[in-house]
């Protein structure tokens, strides 16, 4: 039944995803965040939730536009279930905003497949990634994705390799100018931390261990089949599918080096993971196995909420 609902794009799917995301967001901000509920708090959280849900709609657009799945809505269902599984991902407003800008960059990066307006798309992608890095510095690692896709398209034009740096410099100049005008200082507006940490003791709780184990298990298993399936795809689609896997590795690297292991850093991992797991679900021929796979992913977040 679950597979029949989300196997095709339907309006009800977005409604279900909206309420699951809202549930995760409310639980995170009321249960996990001890702040007084005042009017300003409600307005601020309403804006952040809108950005969070807009990110999901953007993800759906990216997937559909680039044929990353077989026109199902499993990826947005999985994405919101991952949010519910690790609700701490919805506590850091800066990471939520940063992740949204990464989605905007991903949209431009994958559209390079058309080989039209390459310079404009490369500039836009680097521009959005740089803005994302202003909210969460290690998002800058997604710059690797731009050069990765250029390598896949065997682009030897020097100009195209320089353009991403133009996007980076443009943002830096804008922020520097703003900093000088407002704070009379070149770097005051740059709220950037270069710190890293390899202390994973903050994950040492039953909820975190269970959620991370399930994500890693399902992600690793699905990735094996995802990489095998790329070989059978049309040649024009292979670069974008490889880019999604590269995005997964970059996001995983951010989780590893994140200076504060609060759980919010996992947000960058959810989009590529949702796409890869969706591809695996669509490969499963036996309907009962597909249903069981989804039921486990649906039940797990609610079980964790009771721990």
C-alpha atoms as a PDB file:
ATOM      1  CA  UNK A   1       0.000   0.000   0.000  1.00  0.00           C
ATOM      2  CA  UNK A   2       2.793   2.421   0.924  1.00  0.00           C
ATOM      3  CA  UNK A   3       4.650   1.697  -2.301  1.00  0.00           C
ATOM      4  CA  UNK A   4       1.516   2.215  -4.398  1.00  0.00           C
ATOM      5  CA  UNK A   5       0.949   5.654  -2.842  1.00  0.00           C
ATOM      6  CA  UNK A   6       4.480   6.988  -3.266  1.00  0.00           C
ATOM      7  CA  UNK A   7       5.420   5.116  -6.451  1.00  0.00           C
ATOM      8  CA  UNK A   8       3.855   7.958  -8.443  1.00  0.00           C
ATOM      9  CA  UNK A   9       3.905  11.701  -7.886  1.00  0.00           C
ATOM     10  CA  UNK A  10       0.595  12.703  -6.277  1.00  0.00           C
ATOM     11  CA  UNK A  11      -0.570  15.806  -4.347  1.00  0.00           C
ATOM     12  CA  UNK A  12      -1.335  13.673  -1.275  1.00  0.00           C
ATOM     13  CA  UNK A  13       2.331  12.666  -1.096  1.00  0.00           C
ATOM     14  CA  UNK A  14       3.370  16.273  -0.502  1.00  0.00           C
ATOM     15  CA  UNK A  15       0.664  16.615   2.149  1.00  0.00           C
ATOM     16  CA  UNK A  16       1.934  13.538   4.010  1.00  0.00           C
ATOM     17  CA  UNK A  17       5.511  14.782   3.770  1.00  0.00           C
ATOM     18  CA  UNK A  18       4.436  18.217   5.028  1.00  0.00           C
ATOM     19  CA  UNK A  19       2.866  16.820   8.200  1.00  0.00           C
ATOM     20  CA  UNK A  20       5.716  14.381   8.898  1.00  0.00           C
ATOM     21  CA  UNK A  21       8.222  17.223   8.504  1.00  0.00           C
ATOM     22  CA  UNK A  22       6.074  19.472  10.700  1.00  0.00           C
ATOM     23  CA  UNK A  23       5.924  16.732  13.353  1.00  0.00           C
ATOM     24  CA  UNK A  24       9.716  16.345  13.293  1.00  0.00           C
ATOM     25  CA  UNK A  25      10.184  20.119  13.435  1.00  0.00           C
ATOM     26  CA  UNK A  26       7.769  20.659  16.341  1.00  0.00           C
ATOM     27  CA  UNK A  27       9.187  17.749  18.342  1.00  0.00           C
ATOM     28  CA  UNK A  28      12.742  18.984  17.810  1.00  0.00           C
ATOM     29  CA  UNK A  29      12.044  22.575  18.803  1.00  0.00           C
ATOM     30  CA  UNK A  30       9.675  21.904  21.694  1.00  0.00           C
ATOM     31  CA  UNK A  31      11.078  18.690  23.137  1.00  0.00           C
ATOM     32  CA  UNK A  32      14.807  19.100  22.499  1.00  0.00           C
ATOM     33  CA  UNK A  33      15.219  22.880  22.609  1.00  0.00           C
ATOM     34  CA  UNK A  34      14.548  24.581  25.925  1.00  0.00           C
ATOM     35  CA  UNK A  35      13.513  28.060  24.865  1.00  0.00           C
ATOM     36  CA  UNK A  36      10.532  30.149  26.003  1.00  0.00           C
ATOM     37  CA  UNK A  37       7.724  30.124  23.445  1.00  0.00           C
ATOM     38  CA  UNK A  38       7.197  33.785  22.633  1.00  0.00           C
ATOM     39  CA  UNK A  39       5.862  35.470  19.500  1.00  0.00           C
ATOM     40  CA  UNK A  40       9.321  36.182  18.061  1.00  0.00           C
ATOM     41  CA  UNK A  41      10.282  32.521  18.591  1.00  0.00           C
ATOM     42  CA  UNK A  42       7.170  31.341  16.702  1.00  0.00           C
ATOM     43  CA  UNK A  43       7.821  33.711  13.783  1.00  0.00           C
ATOM     44  CA  UNK A  44      11.484  32.711  13.584  1.00  0.00           C
ATOM     45  CA  UNK A  45      10.643  29.004  13.598  1.00  0.00           C
ATOM     46  CA  UNK A  46       7.869  29.474  11.035  1.00  0.00           C
ATOM     47  CA  UNK A  47      10.438  31.002   8.654  1.00  0.00           C
ATOM     48  CA  UNK A  48      12.934  28.191   9.293  1.00  0.00           C
ATOM     49  CA  UNK A  49      10.249  25.535   8.801  1.00  0.00           C
ATOM     50  CA  UNK A  50       9.265  27.179   5.502  1.00  0.00           C
ATOM     51  CA  UNK A  51      12.896  26.980   4.368  1.00  0.00           C
ATOM     52  CA  UNK A  52      13.040  23.347   5.474  1.00  0.00           C
ATOM     53  CA  UNK A  53       9.904  22.404   3.525  1.00  0.00           C
ATOM     54  CA  UNK A  54      11.004  24.485   0.538  1.00  0.00           C
ATOM     55  CA  UNK A  55      14.215  22.416   0.581  1.00  0.00           C
ATOM     56  CA  UNK A  56      12.123  19.259   0.245  1.00  0.00           C
ATOM     57  CA  UNK A  57      10.208  20.713  -2.711  1.00  0.00           C
ATOM     58  CA  UNK A  58      13.522  21.752  -4.286  1.00  0.00           C
ATOM     59  CA  UNK A  59      14.843  18.223  -3.801  1.00  0.00           C
ATOM     60  CA  UNK A  60      11.760  16.831  -5.533  1.00  0.00           C
ATOM     61  CA  UNK A  61      12.278  19.254  -8.429  1.00  0.00           C
ATOM     62  CA  UNK A  62      15.959  18.310  -8.771  1.00  0.00           C
ATOM     63  CA  UNK A  63      15.159  14.593  -8.763  1.00  0.00           C
ATOM     64  CA  UNK A  64      12.385  14.938 -11.343  1.00  0.00           C
ATOM     65  CA  UNK A  65      14.283  17.337 -13.607  1.00  0.00           C
ATOM     66  CA  UNK A  66      17.361  15.099 -13.766  1.00  0.00           C
ATOM     67  CA  UNK A  67      15.587  11.717 -13.795  1.00  0.00           C
ATOM     68  CA  UNK A  68      17.420  10.601 -10.657  1.00  0.00           C
ATOM     69  CA  UNK A  69      14.574   8.186  -9.838  1.00  0.00           C
ATOM     70  CA  UNK A  70      11.699   6.621 -11.745  1.00  0.00           C
ATOM     71  CA  UNK A  71       9.299   9.523 -11.116  1.00  0.00           C
ATOM     72  CA  UNK A  72       8.320   8.329  -7.652  1.00  0.00           C
ATOM     73  CA  UNK A  73       8.118  10.381  -4.457  1.00  0.00           C
ATOM     74  CA  UNK A  74      10.043   7.948  -2.271  1.00  0.00           C
ATOM     75  CA  UNK A  75      12.957  10.370  -1.984  1.00  0.00           C
ATOM     76  CA  UNK A  76      10.928  13.086  -0.225  1.00  0.00           C
ATOM     77  CA  UNK A  77       9.243  10.493   2.016  1.00  0.00           C
ATOM     78  CA  UNK A  78      12.645   9.118   3.035  1.00  0.00           C
ATOM     79  CA  UNK A  79      14.045  12.611   3.524  1.00  0.00           C
ATOM     80  CA  UNK A  80      11.348  13.596   6.024  1.00  0.00           C
ATOM     81  CA  UNK A  81      11.615  10.196   7.768  1.00  0.00           C
ATOM     82  CA  UNK A  82      15.342  10.810   8.201  1.00  0.00           C
ATOM     83  CA  UNK A  83      14.465  14.178   9.773  1.00  0.00           C
ATOM     84  CA  UNK A  84      12.145  12.393  12.185  1.00  0.00           C
ATOM     85  CA  UNK A  85      14.794   9.753  12.883  1.00  0.00           C
ATOM     86  CA  UNK A  86      17.373  12.392  13.881  1.00  0.00           C
ATOM     87  CA  UNK A  87      15.259  15.437  14.860  1.00  0.00           C
ATOM     88  CA  UNK A  88      18.422  17.197  16.075  1.00  0.00           C
ATOM     89  CA  UNK A  89      18.982  18.058  12.387  1.00  0.00           C
ATOM     90  CA  UNK A  90      16.217  20.633  12.791  1.00  0.00           C
ATOM     91  CA  UNK A  91      17.744  22.431  15.767  1.00  0.00           C
ATOM     92  CA  UNK A  92      20.504  24.322  13.993  1.00  0.00           C
ATOM     93  CA  UNK A  93      18.907  27.100  11.939  1.00  0.00           C
ATOM     94  CA  UNK A  94      22.181  27.992  10.234  1.00  0.00           C
ATOM     95  CA  UNK A  95      22.670  24.441   8.924  1.00  0.00           C
ATOM     96  CA  UNK A  96      19.068  24.330   7.658  1.00  0.00           C
ATOM     97  CA  UNK A  97      19.653  27.545   5.690  1.00  0.00           C
ATOM     98  CA  UNK A  98      23.066  26.334   4.503  1.00  0.00           C
ATOM     99  CA  UNK A  99      21.550  23.059   3.305  1.00  0.00           C
ATOM    100  CA  UNK A 100      18.910  24.951   1.326  1.00  0.00           C
ATOM    101  CA  UNK A 101      21.602  26.905  -0.540  1.00  0.00           C
ATOM    102  CA  UNK A 102      23.427  23.628  -1.247  1.00  0.00           C
ATOM    103  CA  UNK A 103      20.221  22.389  -2.906  1.00  0.00           C
ATOM    104  CA  UNK A 104      20.152  25.512  -5.080  1.00  0.00           C
ATOM    105  CA  UNK A 105      23.778  24.846  -6.026  1.00  0.00           C
ATOM    106  CA  UNK A 106      23.041  21.169  -6.732  1.00  0.00           C
ATOM    107  CA  UNK A 107      20.252  22.195  -9.083  1.00  0.00           C
ATOM    108  CA  UNK A 108      22.728  24.225 -11.154  1.00  0.00           C
ATOM    109  CA  UNK A 109      25.497  21.623 -10.980  1.00  0.00           C
ATOM    110  CA  UNK A 110      23.307  18.800 -12.292  1.00  0.00           C
ATOM    111  CA  UNK A 111      21.872  21.033 -15.016  1.00  0.00           C
ATOM    112  CA  UNK A 112      25.368  21.149 -16.544  1.00  0.00           C
ATOM    113  CA  UNK A 113      24.279  17.910 -18.225  1.00  0.00           C
ATOM    114  CA  UNK A 114      22.590  19.993 -20.928  1.00  0.00           C
ATOM    115  CA  UNK A 115      25.926  21.721 -21.745  1.00  0.00           C
ATOM    116  CA  UNK A 116      23.996  24.988 -22.183  1.00  0.00           C
ATOM    117  CA  UNK A 117      25.039  28.245 -20.440  1.00  0.00           C
ATOM    118  CA  UNK A 118      27.884  26.429 -18.694  1.00  0.00           C
ATOM    119  CA  UNK A 119      29.605  29.539 -17.354  1.00  0.00           C
ATOM    120  CA  UNK A 120      26.404  30.961 -15.874  1.00  0.00           C
ATOM    121  CA  UNK A 121      25.551  27.658 -14.184  1.00  0.00           C
ATOM    122  CA  UNK A 122      29.073  27.228 -12.820  1.00  0.00           C
ATOM    123  CA  UNK A 123      29.011  30.778 -11.454  1.00  0.00           C
ATOM    124  CA  UNK A 124      25.579  30.251  -9.854  1.00  0.00           C
ATOM    125  CA  UNK A 125      26.617  26.933  -8.289  1.00  0.00           C
ATOM    126  CA  UNK A 126      29.785  28.386  -6.729  1.00  0.00           C
ATOM    127  CA  UNK A 127      27.861  31.497  -5.647  1.00  0.00           C
ATOM    128  CA  UNK A 128      25.269  29.430  -3.732  1.00  0.00           C
ATOM    129  CA  UNK A 129      27.878  27.128  -2.176  1.00  0.00           C
ATOM    130  CA  UNK A 130      29.859  30.123  -0.924  1.00  0.00           C
ATOM    131  CA  UNK A 131      26.717  31.589   0.641  1.00  0.00           C
ATOM    132  CA  UNK A 132      26.003  28.186   2.219  1.00  0.00           C
ATOM    133  CA  UNK A 133      29.524  28.238   3.684  1.00  0.00           C
ATOM    134  CA  UNK A 134      28.817  31.610   5.314  1.00  0.00           C
ATOM    135  CA  UNK A 135      26.124  29.886   7.367  1.00  0.00           C
ATOM    136  CA  UNK A 136      28.112  26.684   7.968  1.00  0.00           C
ATOM    137  CA  UNK A 137      31.739  26.844   6.903  1.00  0.00           C
ATOM    138  CA  UNK A 138      32.326  23.180   6.045  1.00  0.00           C
ATOM    139  CA  UNK A 139      29.629  23.366   3.384  1.00  0.00           C
ATOM    140  CA  UNK A 140      32.506  24.802   1.325  1.00  0.00           C
ATOM    141  CA  UNK A 141      33.548  21.180   0.680  1.00  0.00           C
ATOM    142  CA  UNK A 142      30.688  20.915  -1.809  1.00  0.00           C
ATOM    143  CA  UNK A 143      32.908  22.967  -4.125  1.00  0.00           C
ATOM    144  CA  UNK A 144      34.523  19.601  -4.877  1.00  0.00           C
ATOM    145  CA  UNK A 145      31.255  18.595  -6.546  1.00  0.00           C
ATOM    146  CA  UNK A 146      31.612  21.339  -9.159  1.00  0.00           C
ATOM    147  CA  UNK A 147      35.068  20.192 -10.234  1.00  0.00           C
ATOM    148  CA  UNK A 148      34.011  16.544 -10.027  1.00  0.00           C
ATOM    149  CA  UNK A 149      31.224  17.113 -12.550  1.00  0.00           C
ATOM    150  CA  UNK A 150      33.614  19.067 -14.805  1.00  0.00           C
ATOM    151  CA  UNK A 151      35.983  16.098 -14.798  1.00  0.00           C
ATOM    152  CA  UNK A 152      33.127  13.728 -15.657  1.00  0.00           C
ATOM    153  CA  UNK A 153      32.241  15.875 -18.638  1.00  0.00           C
ATOM    154  CA  UNK A 154      35.957  15.985 -19.589  1.00  0.00           C
ATOM    155  CA  UNK A 155      35.831  19.750 -19.829  1.00  0.00           C
ATOM    156  CA  UNK A 156      39.307  21.013 -20.785  1.00  0.00           C
ATOM    157  CA  UNK A 157      38.376  24.670 -21.211  1.00  0.00           C
ATOM    158  CA  UNK A 158      40.394  26.711 -18.709  1.00  0.00           C
ATOM    159  CA  UNK A 159      37.684  29.386 -18.555  1.00  0.00           C
ATOM    160  CA  UNK A 160      35.135  26.918 -17.173  1.00  0.00           C
ATOM    161  CA  UNK A 161      37.536  25.884 -14.401  1.00  0.00           C
ATOM    162  CA  UNK A 162      38.110  29.519 -13.421  1.00  0.00           C
ATOM    163  CA  UNK A 163      34.432  30.553 -13.323  1.00  0.00           C
ATOM    164  CA  UNK A 164      33.668  28.846  -9.941  1.00  0.00           C
ATOM    165  CA  UNK A 165      36.375  30.960  -8.310  1.00  0.00           C
ATOM    166  CA  UNK A 166      34.683  34.057  -9.738  1.00  0.00           C
ATOM    167  CA  UNK A 167      31.493  33.087  -7.907  1.00  0.00           C
ATOM    168  CA  UNK A 168      33.464  32.575  -4.696  1.00  0.00           C
ATOM    169  CA  UNK A 169      35.245  35.927  -4.976  1.00  0.00           C
ATOM    170  CA  UNK A 170      31.985  37.747  -5.794  1.00  0.00           C
ATOM    171  CA  UNK A 171      30.358  36.622  -2.540  1.00  0.00           C
ATOM    172  CA  UNK A 172      33.494  37.428  -0.533  1.00  0.00           C
ATOM    173  CA  UNK A 173      33.620  40.938  -2.005  1.00  0.00           C
ATOM    174  CA  UNK A 174      29.936  41.547  -1.208  1.00  0.00           C
ATOM    175  CA  UNK A 175      30.302  40.366   2.402  1.00  0.00           C
ATOM    176  CA  UNK A 176      33.558  42.298   2.872  1.00  0.00           C
ATOM    177  CA  UNK A 177      31.895  45.476   1.588  1.00  0.00           C
ATOM    178  CA  UNK A 178      28.958  44.913   3.925  1.00  0.00           C
ATOM    179  CA  UNK A 179      31.323  44.322   6.848  1.00  0.00           C
ATOM    180  CA  UNK A 180      33.210  47.550   6.186  1.00  0.00           C
ATOM    181  CA  UNK A 181      30.027  49.616   5.823  1.00  0.00           C
ATOM    182  CA  UNK A 182      28.228  48.197   8.853  1.00  0.00           C
ATOM    183  CA  UNK A 183      31.022  47.236  11.271  1.00  0.00           C
ATOM    184  CA  UNK A 184      33.918  49.351   9.956  1.00  0.00           C
ATOM    185  CA  UNK A 185      35.969  46.156   9.826  1.00  0.00           C
ATOM    186  CA  UNK A 186      36.890  43.853   6.949  1.00  0.00           C
ATOM    187  CA  UNK A 187      36.112  40.531   8.638  1.00  0.00           C
ATOM    188  CA  UNK A 188      33.504  41.222  11.341  1.00  0.00           C
ATOM    189  CA  UNK A 189      30.633  39.968   9.142  1.00  0.00           C
ATOM    190  CA  UNK A 190      32.393  36.663   8.509  1.00  0.00           C
ATOM    191  CA  UNK A 191      31.046  34.433  11.259  1.00  0.00           C
ATOM    192  CA  UNK A 192      33.240  31.496  10.270  1.00  0.00           C
ATOM    193  CA  UNK A 193      34.769  28.683  12.306  1.00  0.00           C
ATOM    194  CA  UNK A 194      37.553  26.543  10.847  1.00  0.00           C
ATOM    195  CA  UNK A 195      37.447  24.115  13.773  1.00  0.00           C
ATOM    196  CA  UNK A 196      37.152  20.361  13.356  1.00  0.00           C
ATOM    197  CA  UNK A 197      36.571  17.547  15.822  1.00  0.00           C
ATOM    198  CA  UNK A 198      36.874  13.778  15.781  1.00  0.00           C
ATOM    199  CA  UNK A 199      35.248  13.295  19.178  1.00  0.00           C
ATOM    200  CA  UNK A 200      32.115  11.191  18.589  1.00  0.00           C
ATOM    201  CA  UNK A 201      31.187  10.778  22.263  1.00  0.00           C
ATOM    202  CA  UNK A 202      28.116  13.008  21.783  1.00  0.00           C
ATOM    203  CA  UNK A 203      26.615  10.257  19.611  1.00  0.00           C
ATOM    204  CA  UNK A 204      26.907   7.807  22.488  1.00  0.00           C
ATOM    205  CA  UNK A 205      23.193   7.478  23.266  1.00  0.00           C
ATOM    206  CA  UNK A 206      20.702   4.699  22.358  1.00  0.00           C
ATOM    207  CA  UNK A 207      18.736   7.009  20.031  1.00  0.00           C
ATOM    208  CA  UNK A 208      21.783   8.283  18.148  1.00  0.00           C
ATOM    209  CA  UNK A 209      23.459   4.883  17.904  1.00  0.00           C
ATOM    210  CA  UNK A 210      20.266   3.209  16.607  1.00  0.00           C
ATOM    211  CA  UNK A 211      19.507   5.951  14.078  1.00  0.00           C
ATOM    212  CA  UNK A 212      23.089   6.183  12.792  1.00  0.00           C
ATOM    213  CA  UNK A 213      23.390   2.385  12.531  1.00  0.00           C
ATOM    214  CA  UNK A 214      20.197   2.145  10.473  1.00  0.00           C
ATOM    215  CA  UNK A 215      21.215   5.026   8.207  1.00  0.00           C
ATOM    216  CA  UNK A 216      24.687   3.572   7.643  1.00  0.00           C
ATOM    217  CA  UNK A 217      23.353   0.043   7.086  1.00  0.00           C
ATOM    218  CA  UNK A 218      20.635   1.022   4.621  1.00  0.00           C
ATOM    219  CA  UNK A 219      22.901   3.587   2.982  1.00  0.00           C
ATOM    220  CA  UNK A 220      25.825   1.187   2.493  1.00  0.00           C
ATOM    221  CA  UNK A 221      23.616  -1.617   1.193  1.00  0.00           C
ATOM    222  CA  UNK A 222      21.749   0.695  -1.202  1.00  0.00           C
ATOM    223  CA  UNK A 223      24.994   2.304  -2.393  1.00  0.00           C
ATOM    224  CA  UNK A 224      26.388  -1.051  -3.517  1.00  0.00           C
ATOM    225  CA  UNK A 225      23.420  -1.612  -5.815  1.00  0.00           C
ATOM    226  CA  UNK A 226      23.313   2.065  -6.822  1.00  0.00           C
ATOM    227  CA  UNK A 227      26.901   1.976  -8.095  1.00  0.00           C
ATOM    228  CA  UNK A 228      26.260  -1.260  -9.986  1.00  0.00           C
ATOM    229  CA  UNK A 229      23.107   0.177 -11.572  1.00  0.00           C
ATOM    230  CA  UNK A 230      24.917   3.271 -12.902  1.00  0.00           C
ATOM    231  CA  UNK A 231      26.651   1.077 -15.497  1.00  0.00           C
ATOM    232  CA  UNK A 232      23.260   0.141 -16.968  1.00  0.00           C
ATOM    233  CA  UNK A 233      22.026   3.719 -17.260  1.00  0.00           C
ATOM    234  CA  UNK A 234      22.170   5.795 -20.421  1.00  0.00           C
ATOM    235  CA  UNK A 235      25.554   7.448 -20.846  1.00  0.00           C
ATOM    236  CA  UNK A 236      24.114  10.967 -20.565  1.00  0.00           C
ATOM    237  CA  UNK A 237      22.656  10.203 -17.105  1.00  0.00           C
ATOM    238  CA  UNK A 238      25.756   8.577 -15.588  1.00  0.00           C
ATOM    239  CA  UNK A 239      27.571  11.815 -14.591  1.00  0.00           C
ATOM    240  CA  UNK A 240      24.630  13.155 -12.550  1.00  0.00           C
ATOM    241  CA  UNK A 241      24.153   9.804 -10.813  1.00  0.00           C
ATOM    242  CA  UNK A 242      27.862   9.688  -9.977  1.00  0.00           C
ATOM    243  CA  UNK A 243      27.623  13.268  -8.724  1.00  0.00           C
ATOM    244  CA  UNK A 244      24.927  12.215  -6.232  1.00  0.00           C
ATOM    245  CA  UNK A 245      27.219   9.528  -4.838  1.00  0.00           C
ATOM    246  CA  UNK A 246      30.069  12.066  -4.647  1.00  0.00           C
ATOM    247  CA  UNK A 247      27.709  14.377  -2.773  1.00  0.00           C
ATOM    248  CA  UNK A 248      27.021  11.560  -0.307  1.00  0.00           C
ATOM    249  CA  UNK A 249      30.750  11.131   0.355  1.00  0.00           C
ATOM    250  CA  UNK A 250      31.248  14.882   0.817  1.00  0.00           C
ATOM    251  CA  UNK A 251      28.307  15.077   3.230  1.00  0.00           C
ATOM    252  CA  UNK A 252      29.675  12.091   5.151  1.00  0.00           C
ATOM    253  CA  UNK A 253      33.049  13.874   5.382  1.00  0.00           C
ATOM    254  CA  UNK A 254      31.304  16.900   6.896  1.00  0.00           C
ATOM    255  CA  UNK A 255      29.718  14.649   9.522  1.00  0.00           C
ATOM    256  CA  UNK A 256      33.154  13.226  10.358  1.00  0.00           C
ATOM    257  CA  UNK A 257      34.951  16.574  10.756  1.00  0.00           C
ATOM    258  CA  UNK A 258      32.067  18.658  12.174  1.00  0.00           C
ATOM    259  CA  UNK A 259      33.381  20.652  15.154  1.00  0.00           C
ATOM    260  CA  UNK A 260      30.170  20.135  17.151  1.00  0.00           C
ATOM    261  CA  UNK A 261      28.622  16.672  16.959  1.00  0.00           C
ATOM    262  CA  UNK A 262      25.052  17.702  17.759  1.00  0.00           C
ATOM    263  CA  UNK A 263      23.389  15.553  15.087  1.00  0.00           C
ATOM    264  CA  UNK A 264      22.422  18.603  13.010  1.00  0.00           C
ATOM    265  CA  UNK A 265      25.368  17.968  10.669  1.00  0.00           C
ATOM    266  CA  UNK A 266      23.598  14.855   9.354  1.00  0.00           C
ATOM    267  CA  UNK A 267      21.190  17.109   7.444  1.00  0.00           C
ATOM    268  CA  UNK A 268      23.655  17.412   4.540  1.00  0.00           C
ATOM    269  CA  UNK A 269      23.636  13.624   4.250  1.00  0.00           C
ATOM    270  CA  UNK A 270      19.881  13.152   3.902  1.00  0.00           C
ATOM    271  CA  UNK A 271      19.298  14.302   0.293  1.00  0.00           C
ATOM    272  CA  UNK A 272      21.892  12.099  -1.474  1.00  0.00           C
ATOM    273  CA  UNK A 273      21.069   9.227   0.897  1.00  0.00           C
ATOM    274  CA  UNK A 274      17.336   9.528   0.144  1.00  0.00           C
ATOM    275  CA  UNK A 275      18.023   9.466  -3.613  1.00  0.00           C
ATOM    276  CA  UNK A 276      20.330   6.443  -3.391  1.00  0.00           C
ATOM    277  CA  UNK A 277      17.973   4.455  -1.128  1.00  0.00           C
ATOM    278  CA  UNK A 278      15.051   5.358  -3.431  1.00  0.00           C
ATOM    279  CA  UNK A 279      16.935   3.905  -6.386  1.00  0.00           C
ATOM    280  CA  UNK A 280      17.447   0.679  -4.441  1.00  0.00           C
ATOM    281  CA  UNK A 281      13.751   0.510  -3.466  1.00  0.00           C
ATOM    282  CA  UNK A 282      12.770   0.924  -7.114  1.00  0.00           C
ATOM    283  CA  UNK A 283      15.078  -1.986  -8.046  1.00  0.00           C
ATOM    284  CA  UNK A 284      13.319  -4.416  -5.708  1.00  0.00           C
ATOM    285  CA  UNK A 285      11.011  -6.669  -7.729  1.00  0.00           C
ATOM    286  CA  UNK A 286       9.164  -8.423  -4.891  1.00  0.00           C
ATOM    287  CA  UNK A 287       6.491  -6.066  -3.606  1.00  0.00           C
ATOM    288  CA  UNK A 288       6.442  -7.515  -0.065  1.00  0.00           C
ATOM    289  CA  UNK A 289      10.193  -6.917   0.340  1.00  0.00           C
ATOM    290  CA  UNK A 290       9.758  -3.351  -0.866  1.00  0.00           C
ATOM    291  CA  UNK A 291       6.913  -2.838   1.622  1.00  0.00           C
ATOM    292  CA  UNK A 292       8.952  -4.364   4.461  1.00  0.00           C
ATOM    293  CA  UNK A 293      11.921  -2.142   3.607  1.00  0.00           C
ATOM    294  CA  UNK A 294       9.756   0.968   3.816  1.00  0.00           C
ATOM    295  CA  UNK A 295       7.891  -0.158   6.937  1.00  0.00           C
ATOM    296  CA  UNK A 296      11.194  -0.514   8.817  1.00  0.00           C
ATOM    297  CA  UNK A 297      12.183   3.015   7.789  1.00  0.00           C
ATOM    298  CA  UNK A 298       8.743   4.363   8.783  1.00  0.00           C
ATOM    299  CA  UNK A 299       8.461   2.590  12.129  1.00  0.00           C
ATOM    300  CA  UNK A 300      12.036   3.270  13.298  1.00  0.00           C
ATOM    301  CA  UNK A 301      11.632   7.068  13.860  1.00  0.00           C
ATOM    302  CA  UNK A 302       8.462   6.551  15.924  1.00  0.00           C
ATOM    303  CA  UNK A 303      10.109   3.835  17.999  1.00  0.00           C
ATOM    304  CA  UNK A 304      13.071   6.121  18.653  1.00  0.00           C
ATOM    305  CA  UNK A 305      10.725   8.866  19.830  1.00  0.00           C
ATOM    306  CA  UNK A 306       9.552   6.580  22.632  1.00  0.00           C
ATOM    307  CA  UNK A 307      13.057   5.760  23.885  1.00  0.00           C
END
